[in-house]
Amino acid sequence: MEINLENKKQIIALLRDGTCPICGKNGFVNPLAHVTKIHGIGKRELKDLLLLPHSNGFASPELAEKLSTYAKKQTSKEWINRYSGRHSEITKKKMHSKALADPKRPRTLKKATATAASKKKRAVVRMSEFGEEKEYTSLTEAAADNNAITANIHHCLTGKAKTCAGYKWKYKV
């Protein structure tokens, strides 16, 4: 079937039924994905050919309803707060009461930072391909001086990578 304005309603009906308007294959949950992958016509291009606004969808009313309810669930305030780190006052109170009630709860932020600060820093050495070496007191200092990421330098130190920031790295012995 050729895509043009004369058979616009027929094409939209076929897409809503899960049938490809070009080759006629049916049974697709998302026929637009098939049209894009197999026939090379994108969703926007198809809408332009049919002179449809880009906001219009090809989904059947039932599928459109399912998608909209799913989207509403995904963008609910609770969901956004859960994944963005923002909590309501009620949630904060619940979290605080749980922390007070359970003495074996994970350590607080103050304890975590104190533990991290008490860890022994290991000196690292940066080696160039010309044999030049430069010593750093810690991994953090080395990363800051070389505009690198500490994890990438750590990968070199543990053998997961060969170089970072153009240098080889090793722990000072």
C-alpha atoms as a PDB file:
ATOM      1  CA  MET A   1       0.000   0.000   0.000  1.00  0.00           C
ATOM      2  CA  GLU A   2       1.275   3.436  -0.868  1.00  0.00           C
ATOM      3  CA  ILE A   3       1.273   6.067   1.830  1.00  0.00           C
ATOM      4  CA  ASN A   4      -0.623   9.146   0.702  1.00  0.00           C
ATOM      5  CA  LEU A   5      -3.485  11.380   1.761  1.00  0.00           C
ATOM      6  CA  GLU A   6      -6.185   9.410  -0.141  1.00  0.00           C
ATOM      7  CA  ASN A   7      -5.854   6.365   2.115  1.00  0.00           C
ATOM      8  CA  LYS A   8      -5.060   8.262   5.326  1.00  0.00           C
ATOM      9  CA  LYS A   9      -7.981   6.823   7.349  1.00  0.00           C
ATOM     10  CA  GLN A  10      -7.215   3.302   6.164  1.00  0.00           C
ATOM     11  CA  ILE A  11      -3.540   3.612   7.197  1.00  0.00           C
ATOM     12  CA  ILE A  12      -4.460   4.900  10.653  1.00  0.00           C
ATOM     13  CA  ALA A  13      -6.985   2.054  11.077  1.00  0.00           C
ATOM     14  CA  LEU A  14      -4.356  -0.528  10.063  1.00  0.00           C
ATOM     15  CA  LEU A  15      -1.811   0.897  12.510  1.00  0.00           C
ATOM     16  CA  ARG A  16      -4.375   0.827  15.344  1.00  0.00           C
ATOM     17  CA  ASP A  17      -5.170  -2.816  14.532  1.00  0.00           C
ATOM     18  CA  GLY A  18      -1.479  -3.725  14.747  1.00  0.00           C
ATOM     19  CA  THR A  19      -0.976  -4.182  10.999  1.00  0.00           C
ATOM     20  CA  CYS A  20       1.815  -2.732   8.888  1.00  0.00           C
ATOM     21  CA  PRO A  21       0.261  -0.455   6.222  1.00  0.00           C
ATOM     22  CA  ILE A  22       3.148  -1.109   3.823  1.00  0.00           C
ATOM     23  CA  CYS A  23       3.678  -4.885   3.779  1.00  0.00           C
ATOM     24  CA  GLY A  24       0.396  -5.983   5.379  1.00  0.00           C
ATOM     25  CA  LYS A  25       1.895  -8.120   8.175  1.00  0.00           C
ATOM     26  CA  ASN A  26      -0.250  -8.095  11.300  1.00  0.00           C
ATOM     27  CA  GLY A  27      -0.039  -9.003  14.963  1.00  0.00           C
ATOM     28  CA  PHE A  28       2.267  -6.185  16.025  1.00  0.00           C
ATOM     29  CA  VAL A  29       1.909  -4.612  19.440  1.00  0.00           C
ATOM     30  CA  ASN A  30       3.761  -1.588  18.091  1.00  0.00           C
ATOM     31  CA  PRO A  31       3.508  -1.521  14.288  1.00  0.00           C
ATOM     32  CA  LEU A  32       5.412   1.785  14.140  1.00  0.00           C
ATOM     33  CA  ALA A  33       8.541   0.048  15.404  1.00  0.00           C
ATOM     34  CA  HIS A  34       8.220  -2.441  12.516  1.00  0.00           C
ATOM     35  CA  VAL A  35       7.649   0.358   9.975  1.00  0.00           C
ATOM     36  CA  THR A  36      10.711   2.204  11.278  1.00  0.00           C
ATOM     37  CA  LYS A  37      13.056  -0.810  11.445  1.00  0.00           C
ATOM     38  CA  ILE A  38      11.994  -2.705   8.326  1.00  0.00           C
ATOM     39  CA  HIS A  39      10.753   0.002   5.974  1.00  0.00           C
ATOM     40  CA  GLY A  40      12.871   2.922   7.206  1.00  0.00           C
ATOM     41  CA  ILE A  41      10.004   5.349   7.741  1.00  0.00           C
ATOM     42  CA  GLY A  42      10.101   7.070  11.121  1.00  0.00           C
ATOM     43  CA  LYS A  43       7.056   8.006  13.186  1.00  0.00           C
ATOM     44  CA  ARG A  44       7.455  11.726  12.541  1.00  0.00           C
ATOM     45  CA  GLU A  45       8.062  11.168   8.844  1.00  0.00           C
ATOM     46  CA  LEU A  46       4.893   9.076   8.613  1.00  0.00           C
ATOM     47  CA  LYS A  47       2.896  11.777  10.392  1.00  0.00           C
ATOM     48  CA  ASP A  48       4.318  14.384   8.007  1.00  0.00           C
ATOM     49  CA  LEU A  49       3.280  12.272   4.986  1.00  0.00           C
ATOM     50  CA  LEU A  50      -0.265  11.981   6.362  1.00  0.00           C
ATOM     51  CA  LEU A  51      -0.350  15.663   7.412  1.00  0.00           C
ATOM     52  CA  LEU A  52      -1.039  14.764  11.023  1.00  0.00           C
ATOM     53  CA  PRO A  53       0.138  16.850  13.976  1.00  0.00           C
ATOM     54  CA  HIS A  54       3.050  15.307  15.839  1.00  0.00           C
ATOM     55  CA  SER A  55       1.013  15.236  19.047  1.00  0.00           C
ATOM     56  CA  ASN A  56      -1.493  12.764  17.551  1.00  0.00           C
ATOM     57  CA  GLY A  57      -0.838   9.132  18.320  1.00  0.00           C
ATOM     58  CA  PHE A  58      -1.476   6.020  16.261  1.00  0.00           C
ATOM     59  CA  ALA A  59      -2.320   3.831  19.249  1.00  0.00           C
ATOM     60  CA  SER A  60      -5.813   2.399  19.635  1.00  0.00           C
ATOM     61  CA  PRO A  61      -7.969   4.132  22.258  1.00  0.00           C
ATOM     62  CA  GLU A  62      -7.601   1.125  24.614  1.00  0.00           C
ATOM     63  CA  LEU A  63      -3.804   1.100  24.303  1.00  0.00           C
ATOM     64  CA  ALA A  64      -3.675   4.894  24.626  1.00  0.00           C
ATOM     65  CA  GLU A  65      -5.657   4.638  27.874  1.00  0.00           C
ATOM     66  CA  LYS A  66      -3.305   1.971  29.234  1.00  0.00           C
ATOM     67  CA  LEU A  67      -0.277   4.060  28.313  1.00  0.00           C
ATOM     68  CA  SER A  68      -1.695   7.204  29.872  1.00  0.00           C
ATOM     69  CA  THR A  69      -2.515   5.460  33.167  1.00  0.00           C
ATOM     70  CA  TYR A  70       0.988   3.977  33.206  1.00  0.00           C
ATOM     71  CA  ALA A  71       2.484   7.416  32.540  1.00  0.00           C
ATOM     72  CA  LYS A  72       0.381   8.925  35.326  1.00  0.00           C
ATOM     73  CA  LYS A  73       1.675   6.307  37.752  1.00  0.00           C
ATOM     74  CA  GLN A  74       5.262   6.898  36.686  1.00  0.00           C
ATOM     75  CA  THR A  75       5.073  10.660  37.078  1.00  0.00           C
ATOM     76  CA  SER A  76       3.213  10.681  40.363  1.00  0.00           C
ATOM     77  CA  LYS A  77       4.629  12.884  43.082  1.00  0.00           C
ATOM     78  CA  GLU A  78       5.500   9.921  45.278  1.00  0.00           C
ATOM     79  CA  TRP A  79       7.468   8.256  42.474  1.00  0.00           C
ATOM     80  CA  ILE A  80       9.381  11.463  41.668  1.00  0.00           C
ATOM     81  CA  ASN A  81      10.208  12.018  45.333  1.00  0.00           C
ATOM     82  CA  ARG A  82      11.365   8.439  45.756  1.00  0.00           C
ATOM     83  CA  TYR A  83      13.886   8.613  42.934  1.00  0.00           C
ATOM     84  CA  SER A  84      14.999  12.232  43.246  1.00  0.00           C
ATOM     85  CA  GLY A  85      15.867  12.030  46.946  1.00  0.00           C
ATOM     86  CA  ARG A  86      13.204  14.497  48.027  1.00  0.00           C
ATOM     87  CA  HIS A  87      10.940  13.327  50.809  1.00  0.00           C
ATOM     88  CA  SER A  88       7.822  14.803  52.307  1.00  0.00           C
ATOM     89  CA  GLU A  89       7.774  15.777  55.972  1.00  0.00           C
ATOM     90  CA  ILE A  90       5.626  12.732  56.802  1.00  0.00           C
ATOM     91  CA  THR A  91       8.118  10.412  55.102  1.00  0.00           C
ATOM     92  CA  LYS A  92      11.013  12.045  56.971  1.00  0.00           C
ATOM     93  CA  LYS A  93       9.209  11.510  60.296  1.00  0.00           C
ATOM     94  CA  LYS A  94       8.570   7.849  59.440  1.00  0.00           C
ATOM     95  CA  MET A  95      12.222   7.351  58.498  1.00  0.00           C
ATOM     96  CA  HIS A  96      13.385   9.041  61.710  1.00  0.00           C
ATOM     97  CA  SER A  97      11.035   6.966  63.903  1.00  0.00           C
ATOM     98  CA  LYS A  98      12.264   3.744  62.252  1.00  0.00           C
ATOM     99  CA  ALA A  99      15.867   4.770  62.908  1.00  0.00           C
ATOM    100  CA  LEU A 100      15.123   5.412  66.566  1.00  0.00           C
ATOM    101  CA  ALA A 101      13.171   2.170  66.948  1.00  0.00           C
ATOM    102  CA  ASP A 102      15.845  -0.096  65.464  1.00  0.00           C
ATOM    103  CA  PRO A 103      19.261   0.187  67.162  1.00  0.00           C
ATOM    104  CA  LYS A 104      20.850  -2.113  64.561  1.00  0.00           C
ATOM    105  CA  ARG A 105      19.930   0.225  61.733  1.00  0.00           C
ATOM    106  CA  PRO A 106      22.780   1.244  59.353  1.00  0.00           C
ATOM    107  CA  ARG A 107      25.138   3.883  60.683  1.00  0.00           C
ATOM    108  CA  THR A 108      24.361   7.550  60.280  1.00  0.00           C
ATOM    109  CA  LEU A 109      26.093   9.925  57.912  1.00  0.00           C
ATOM    110  CA  LYS A 110      28.349  11.265  60.666  1.00  0.00           C
ATOM    111  CA  LYS A 111      29.621   7.778  61.479  1.00  0.00           C
ATOM    112  CA  ALA A 112      30.112   6.987  57.786  1.00  0.00           C
ATOM    113  CA  THR A 113      32.204  10.097  57.146  1.00  0.00           C
ATOM    114  CA  ALA A 114      34.239   9.478  60.299  1.00  0.00           C
ATOM    115  CA  THR A 115      34.923   5.910  59.152  1.00  0.00           C
ATOM    116  CA  ALA A 116      35.945   7.092  55.685  1.00  0.00           C
ATOM    117  CA  ALA A 117      38.267   9.697  57.169  1.00  0.00           C
ATOM    118  CA  SER A 118      39.887   7.159  59.450  1.00  0.00           C
ATOM    119  CA  LYS A 119      40.825   4.861  56.551  1.00  0.00           C
ATOM    120  CA  LYS A 120      44.520   4.763  55.870  1.00  0.00           C
ATOM    121  CA  LYS A 121      45.490   6.607  52.718  1.00  0.00           C
ATOM    122  CA  ARG A 122      47.803   4.745  50.369  1.00  0.00           C
ATOM    123  CA  ALA A 123      50.398   6.607  48.368  1.00  0.00           C
ATOM    124  CA  VAL A 124      50.266   6.133  44.591  1.00  0.00           C
ATOM    125  CA  VAL A 125      52.881   6.673  41.917  1.00  0.00           C
ATOM    126  CA  ARG A 126      52.252   8.007  38.408  1.00  0.00           C
ATOM    127  CA  MET A 127      54.630   6.674  35.763  1.00  0.00           C
ATOM    128  CA  SER A 128      55.054   8.200  32.305  1.00  0.00           C
ATOM    129  CA  GLU A 129      56.188   6.243  29.265  1.00  0.00           C
ATOM    130  CA  PHE A 130      59.553   8.048  29.491  1.00  0.00           C
ATOM    131  CA  GLY A 131      60.268   6.705  32.970  1.00  0.00           C
ATOM    132  CA  GLU A 132      59.330   9.839  34.913  1.00  0.00           C
ATOM    133  CA  GLU A 133      57.590   9.161  38.216  1.00  0.00           C
ATOM    134  CA  LYS A 134      55.540  11.412  40.450  1.00  0.00           C
ATOM    135  CA  GLU A 135      54.316  10.402  43.882  1.00  0.00           C
ATOM    136  CA  TYR A 136      50.977  11.343  45.464  1.00  0.00           C
ATOM    137  CA  THR A 137      49.926  10.819  49.075  1.00  0.00           C
ATOM    138  CA  SER A 138      46.433   9.656  48.116  1.00  0.00           C
ATOM    139  CA  LEU A 139      44.315   8.568  45.198  1.00  0.00           C
ATOM    140  CA  THR A 140      42.136  11.669  45.557  1.00  0.00           C
ATOM    141  CA  GLU A 141      45.135  13.974  45.321  1.00  0.00           C
ATOM    142  CA  ALA A 142      46.383  12.139  42.219  1.00  0.00           C
ATOM    143  CA  ALA A 143      43.003  12.393  40.521  1.00  0.00           C
ATOM    144  CA  ALA A 144      42.711  16.112  41.252  1.00  0.00           C
ATOM    145  CA  ASP A 145      46.211  16.847  39.954  1.00  0.00           C
ATOM    146  CA  ASN A 146      45.727  14.873  36.719  1.00  0.00           C
ATOM    147  CA  ASN A 147      42.102  15.833  35.944  1.00  0.00           C
ATOM    148  CA  ALA A 148      41.089  12.181  36.231  1.00  0.00           C
ATOM    149  CA  ILE A 149      38.444  10.208  38.050  1.00  0.00           C
ATOM    150  CA  THR A 150      39.530   8.325  41.163  1.00  0.00           C
ATOM    151  CA  ALA A 151      37.704   5.166  40.041  1.00  0.00           C
ATOM    152  CA  ASN A 152      39.625   5.125  36.748  1.00  0.00           C
ATOM    153  CA  ILE A 153      42.974   5.411  38.520  1.00  0.00           C
ATOM    154  CA  HIS A 154      41.827   2.676  40.892  1.00  0.00           C
ATOM    155  CA  HIS A 155      41.093   0.449  37.886  1.00  0.00           C
ATOM    156  CA  CYS A 156      44.714   0.885  36.798  1.00  0.00           C
ATOM    157  CA  LEU A 157      45.969   0.102  40.281  1.00  0.00           C
ATOM    158  CA  THR A 158      43.924  -3.105  40.467  1.00  0.00           C
ATOM    159  CA  GLY A 159      44.807  -4.215  36.930  1.00  0.00           C
ATOM    160  CA  LYS A 160      41.420  -3.684  35.295  1.00  0.00           C
ATOM    161  CA  ALA A 161      42.904  -0.996  33.030  1.00  0.00           C
ATOM    162  CA  LYS A 162      46.401  -0.316  31.739  1.00  0.00           C
ATOM    163  CA  THR A 163      46.458   3.480  31.792  1.00  0.00           C
ATOM    164  CA  CYS A 164      44.522   6.465  33.053  1.00  0.00           C
ATOM    165  CA  ALA A 165      45.078  10.067  31.918  1.00  0.00           C
ATOM    166  CA  GLY A 166      47.935   8.797  29.719  1.00  0.00           C
ATOM    167  CA  TYR A 167      49.928   7.343  32.612  1.00  0.00           C
ATOM    168  CA  LYS A 168      50.496   3.991  34.255  1.00  0.00           C
ATOM    169  CA  TRP A 169      49.811   3.810  37.990  1.00  0.00           C
ATOM    170  CA  LYS A 170      50.994   1.742  40.933  1.00  0.00           C
ATOM    171  CA  TYR A 171      50.822   1.806  44.696  1.00  0.00           C
ATOM    172  CA  LYS A 172      53.958   3.022  46.466  1.00  0.00           C
ATOM    173  CA  VAL A 173      55.714   0.116  48.091  1.00  0.00           C
END
